Amino acid sequence: PYPIVKRDVDFVLSEEVETGAVSALISGKNFPNLTAVFPLDIFRHESLGLRAKSITFHFKFQNPNKTLEDKDVTPVINEIIRVAEKEFLAKLRT
């Protein structure tokens, strides 16, 4: 088997957004080589804004036929970010 590529992305979301809904939507999109998505951490602080939380999502990518490179994973991460921004008004935590 070829190695797993792991990426973490921090989204700032409204408190009303359920973590499971974000994971389910991303999983359901069948992104290329994405084998797992799950939340790692939830952070709440006034610096994020009123009624906001930061959630770190962990993504695993693997291809059964080759070793993935950044050029294979980065466009998928960018599309995941676009989906989260559109569907949940997510912002990347900086």
N, C-alpha and C. Protein backbone atom coordinates (compact mmCIF):
# COMPACT_ATOMS: atom_id res chain seq x y z
N PRO A 1 0.83 -1.21 0.00
CA PRO A 1 0.00 0.00 0.00
C PRO A 1 0.87 1.26 0.00
N TYR A 2 0.29 2.28 -0.56
CA TYR A 2 0.99 3.56 -0.65
C TYR A 2 0.69 4.40 0.59
N PRO A 3 1.60 5.34 0.91
CA PRO A 3 1.45 6.09 2.17
C PRO A 3 0.21 6.98 2.21
N ILE A 4 -0.24 7.21 3.43
CA ILE A 4 -1.36 8.12 3.69
C ILE A 4 -0.80 9.53 3.81
N VAL A 5 -1.49 10.48 3.20
CA VAL A 5 -1.14 11.90 3.32
C VAL A 5 -2.17 12.52 4.26
N LYS A 6 -1.69 13.24 5.26
CA LYS A 6 -2.58 13.84 6.25
C LYS A 6 -2.50 15.37 6.17
N ARG A 7 -3.65 15.99 6.31
CA ARG A 7 -3.73 17.46 6.33
C ARG A 7 -4.75 17.87 7.39
N ASP A 8 -4.47 18.98 8.06
CA ASP A 8 -5.40 19.58 9.01
C ASP A 8 -5.78 20.96 8.52
N VAL A 9 -7.05 21.30 8.67
CA VAL A 9 -7.55 22.62 8.29
C VAL A 9 -8.41 23.14 9.44
N ASP A 10 -8.17 24.39 9.82
CA ASP A 10 -8.95 25.04 10.88
C ASP A 10 -9.99 25.96 10.27
N PHE A 11 -11.25 25.68 10.56
CA PHE A 11 -12.35 26.51 10.10
C PHE A 11 -12.96 27.25 11.28
N VAL A 12 -13.29 28.53 11.08
CA VAL A 12 -14.08 29.27 12.05
C VAL A 12 -15.52 29.22 11.56
N LEU A 13 -16.40 28.73 12.43
CA LEU A 13 -17.80 28.51 12.08
C LEU A 13 -18.70 29.10 13.16
N SER A 14 -19.94 29.33 12.78
CA SER A 14 -20.93 29.74 13.74
C SER A 14 -21.18 28.61 14.73
N GLU A 15 -21.52 28.97 15.98
CA GLU A 15 -21.84 27.96 16.99
C GLU A 15 -22.98 27.05 16.55
N GLU A 16 -23.87 27.56 15.70
CA GLU A 16 -25.03 26.77 15.27
C GLU A 16 -24.67 25.64 14.31
N VAL A 17 -23.52 25.74 13.67
CA VAL A 17 -23.11 24.73 12.69
C VAL A 17 -22.65 23.48 13.44
N GLU A 18 -23.24 22.35 13.09
CA GLU A 18 -22.87 21.08 13.72
C GLU A 18 -21.65 20.48 13.03
N THR A 19 -20.72 20.04 13.84
CA THR A 19 -19.48 19.46 13.33
C THR A 19 -19.77 18.26 12.43
N GLY A 20 -20.71 17.44 12.83
CA GLY A 20 -21.07 16.25 12.04
C GLY A 20 -21.61 16.59 10.67
N ALA A 21 -22.32 17.71 10.58
CA ALA A 21 -22.87 18.12 9.29
C ALA A 21 -21.75 18.50 8.32
N VAL A 22 -20.73 19.16 8.84
CA VAL A 22 -19.59 19.53 7.99
C VAL A 22 -18.86 18.28 7.52
N SER A 23 -18.57 17.38 8.45
CA SER A 23 -17.89 16.13 8.09
C SER A 23 -18.69 15.32 7.08
N ALA A 24 -20.00 15.23 7.30
CA ALA A 24 -20.86 14.44 6.41
C ALA A 24 -20.90 15.04 5.01
N LEU A 25 -21.00 16.35 4.91
CA LEU A 25 -21.05 16.98 3.59
C LEU A 25 -19.75 16.74 2.83
N ILE A 26 -18.62 16.93 3.52
CA ILE A 26 -17.33 16.74 2.86
C ILE A 26 -17.15 15.28 2.45
N SER A 27 -17.48 14.37 3.34
CA SER A 27 -17.36 12.93 3.01
C SER A 27 -18.25 12.55 1.85
N GLY A 28 -19.43 13.14 1.79
CA GLY A 28 -20.39 12.81 0.75
C GLY A 28 -20.06 13.33 -0.63
N LYS A 29 -19.12 14.23 -0.71
CA LYS A 29 -18.74 14.82 -2.01
C LYS A 29 -17.82 13.90 -2.83
N ASN A 30 -17.32 12.85 -2.23
CA ASN A 30 -16.43 11.91 -2.93
C ASN A 30 -15.23 12.59 -3.59
N PHE A 31 -14.54 13.39 -2.80
CA PHE A 31 -13.33 14.05 -3.31
C PHE A 31 -12.28 13.00 -3.64
N PRO A 32 -11.49 13.23 -4.69
CA PRO A 32 -10.49 12.25 -5.11
C PRO A 32 -9.49 11.93 -3.99
N ASN A 33 -9.30 10.67 -3.74
CA ASN A 33 -8.30 10.15 -2.81
C ASN A 33 -8.57 10.46 -1.34
N LEU A 34 -9.67 11.14 -1.02
CA LEU A 34 -10.01 11.42 0.37
C LEU A 34 -10.60 10.16 1.00
N THR A 35 -9.91 9.64 2.01
CA THR A 35 -10.37 8.40 2.63
C THR A 35 -11.00 8.61 4.00
N ALA A 36 -10.72 9.76 4.64
CA ALA A 36 -11.30 10.02 5.96
C ALA A 36 -11.31 11.51 6.26
N VAL A 37 -12.33 11.93 6.99
CA VAL A 37 -12.42 13.31 7.50
C VAL A 37 -13.06 13.24 8.88
N PHE A 38 -12.44 13.91 9.83
CA PHE A 38 -13.05 13.96 11.16
C PHE A 38 -12.51 15.16 11.93
N PRO A 39 -13.31 15.65 12.88
CA PRO A 39 -12.86 16.78 13.68
C PRO A 39 -11.84 16.33 14.72
N LEU A 40 -10.82 17.15 14.91
CA LEU A 40 -9.80 16.86 15.91
C LEU A 40 -9.98 17.69 17.18
N ASP A 41 -10.38 18.96 16.99
CA ASP A 41 -10.40 19.86 18.13
C ASP A 41 -11.43 20.96 17.89
N ILE A 42 -12.07 21.39 18.96
CA ILE A 42 -12.96 22.55 18.91
C ILE A 42 -12.41 23.58 19.89
N PHE A 43 -12.26 24.80 19.40
CA PHE A 43 -11.70 25.88 20.21
C PHE A 43 -12.71 27.03 20.24
N ARG A 44 -12.97 27.51 21.44
CA ARG A 44 -13.87 28.64 21.61
C ARG A 44 -13.12 29.74 22.36
N HIS A 45 -13.22 30.97 21.82
CA HIS A 45 -12.57 32.11 22.47
C HIS A 45 -13.19 33.37 21.89
N GLU A 46 -13.24 34.40 22.72
CA GLU A 46 -13.84 35.66 22.27
C GLU A 46 -13.11 36.25 21.07
N SER A 47 -11.84 35.90 20.88
CA SER A 47 -11.07 36.43 19.75
C SER A 47 -11.62 35.94 18.40
N LEU A 48 -12.41 34.86 18.42
CA LEU A 48 -12.98 34.33 17.17
C LEU A 48 -14.22 35.09 16.73
N GLY A 49 -14.81 35.83 17.66
CA GLY A 49 -16.03 36.56 17.36
C GLY A 49 -17.19 36.02 18.17
N LEU A 50 -18.26 36.78 18.14
CA LEU A 50 -19.45 36.42 18.90
C LEU A 50 -20.09 35.15 18.34
N ARG A 51 -20.36 34.17 19.19
CA ARG A 51 -21.01 32.92 18.81
C ARG A 51 -20.26 32.18 17.69
N ALA A 52 -18.94 32.17 17.80
CA ALA A 52 -18.12 31.48 16.81
C ALA A 52 -17.24 30.45 17.51
N LYS A 53 -16.84 29.45 16.74
CA LYS A 53 -15.93 28.41 17.23
C LYS A 53 -14.98 28.04 16.11
N SER A 54 -13.83 27.54 16.48
CA SER A 54 -12.86 27.05 15.51
C SER A 54 -12.81 25.53 15.63
N ILE A 55 -12.92 24.87 14.50
CA ILE A 55 -12.85 23.42 14.48
C ILE A 55 -11.70 23.00 13.57
N THR A 56 -10.82 22.17 14.10
CA THR A 56 -9.75 21.60 13.29
C THR A 56 -10.25 20.29 12.72
N PHE A 57 -10.27 20.21 11.39
CA PHE A 57 -10.65 18.98 10.71
C PHE A 57 -9.40 18.29 10.20
N HIS A 58 -9.36 16.99 10.37
CA HIS A 58 -8.24 16.17 9.92
C HIS A 58 -8.68 15.39 8.67
N PHE A 59 -7.87 15.47 7.63
CA PHE A 59 -8.16 14.80 6.37
C PHE A 59 -7.06 13.79 6.06
N LYS A 60 -7.48 12.60 5.61
CA LYS A 60 -6.53 11.58 5.17
C LYS A 60 -6.78 11.29 3.70
N PHE A 61 -5.69 11.22 2.96
CA PHE A 61 -5.75 10.93 1.53
C PHE A 61 -4.86 9.73 1.25
N GLN A 62 -5.34 8.88 0.35
CA GLN A 62 -4.52 7.73 -0.07
C GLN A 62 -5.02 7.26 -1.43
N ASN A 63 -4.08 6.85 -2.26
CA ASN A 63 -4.40 6.29 -3.56
C ASN A 63 -3.86 4.86 -3.58
N PRO A 64 -4.66 3.91 -4.05
CA PRO A 64 -4.20 2.52 -4.04
C PRO A 64 -3.14 2.21 -5.10
N ASN A 65 -2.91 3.16 -6.04
CA ASN A 65 -2.02 2.86 -7.16
C ASN A 65 -0.77 3.71 -7.23
N LYS A 66 -0.66 4.74 -6.38
CA LYS A 66 0.52 5.59 -6.45
C LYS A 66 0.68 6.39 -5.16
N THR A 67 1.88 6.93 -4.98
CA THR A 67 2.14 7.83 -3.88
C THR A 67 1.62 9.20 -4.25
N LEU A 68 0.80 9.77 -3.38
CA LEU A 68 0.25 11.10 -3.65
C LEU A 68 1.30 12.18 -3.38
N GLU A 69 1.23 13.23 -4.17
CA GLU A 69 2.10 14.38 -4.00
C GLU A 69 1.26 15.59 -3.65
N ASP A 70 1.91 16.68 -3.27
CA ASP A 70 1.19 17.90 -2.95
C ASP A 70 0.27 18.34 -4.09
N LYS A 71 0.73 18.16 -5.32
CA LYS A 71 -0.08 18.58 -6.47
C LYS A 71 -1.38 17.76 -6.59
N ASP A 72 -1.43 16.60 -5.95
CA ASP A 72 -2.63 15.78 -5.94
C ASP A 72 -3.58 16.17 -4.81
N VAL A 73 -3.02 16.62 -3.70
CA VAL A 73 -3.81 16.87 -2.49
C VAL A 73 -4.25 18.33 -2.37
N THR A 74 -3.37 19.26 -2.68
CA THR A 74 -3.67 20.69 -2.50
C THR A 74 -4.93 21.15 -3.23
N PRO A 75 -5.15 20.77 -4.50
CA PRO A 75 -6.39 21.20 -5.16
C PRO A 75 -7.64 20.66 -4.47
N VAL A 76 -7.56 19.48 -3.91
CA VAL A 76 -8.71 18.89 -3.21
C VAL A 76 -8.97 19.67 -1.92
N ILE A 77 -7.92 19.99 -1.18
CA ILE A 77 -8.07 20.80 0.03
C ILE A 77 -8.68 22.15 -0.33
N ASN A 78 -8.23 22.76 -1.39
CA ASN A 78 -8.78 24.05 -1.82
C ASN A 78 -10.27 23.94 -2.15
N GLU A 79 -10.66 22.85 -2.76
CA GLU A 79 -12.08 22.65 -3.09
C GLU A 79 -12.89 22.40 -1.81
N ILE A 80 -12.34 21.66 -0.88
CA ILE A 80 -13.01 21.45 0.41
C ILE A 80 -13.23 22.79 1.10
N ILE A 81 -12.23 23.65 1.08
CA ILE A 81 -12.37 24.98 1.68
C ILE A 81 -13.48 25.75 1.00
N ARG A 82 -13.53 25.72 -0.33
CA ARG A 82 -14.60 26.42 -1.07
C ARG A 82 -15.99 25.89 -0.69
N VAL A 83 -16.11 24.59 -0.56
CA VAL A 83 -17.40 23.98 -0.18
C VAL A 83 -17.80 24.44 1.23
N ALA A 84 -16.87 24.42 2.16
CA ALA A 84 -17.17 24.83 3.54
C ALA A 84 -17.54 26.31 3.60
N GLU A 85 -16.86 27.12 2.81
CA GLU A 85 -17.19 28.55 2.77
C GLU A 85 -18.59 28.77 2.22
N LYS A 86 -18.91 28.05 1.16
CA LYS A 86 -20.21 28.23 0.50
C LYS A 86 -21.36 27.68 1.35
N GLU A 87 -21.21 26.47 1.85
CA GLU A 87 -22.31 25.78 2.53
C GLU A 87 -22.48 26.19 3.99
N PHE A 88 -21.37 26.55 4.64
CA PHE A 88 -21.44 26.81 6.09
C PHE A 88 -20.92 28.19 6.48
N LEU A 89 -20.58 29.02 5.48
CA LEU A 89 -20.01 30.35 5.72
C LEU A 89 -18.75 30.25 6.58
N ALA A 90 -18.00 29.19 6.39
CA ALA A 90 -16.75 28.96 7.13
C ALA A 90 -15.68 29.94 6.66
N LYS A 91 -14.79 30.24 7.58
CA LYS A 91 -13.60 31.03 7.26
C LYS A 91 -12.40 30.26 7.77
N LEU A 92 -11.30 30.39 7.05
CA LEU A 92 -10.07 29.74 7.53
C LEU A 92 -9.56 30.51 8.75
N ARG A 93 -9.14 29.77 9.74
CA ARG A 93 -8.55 30.41 10.93
C ARG A 93 -7.09 30.71 10.64
N THR A 94 -6.72 31.95 10.89
CA THR A 94 -5.33 32.35 10.61
C THR A 94 -4.54 32.50 11.88
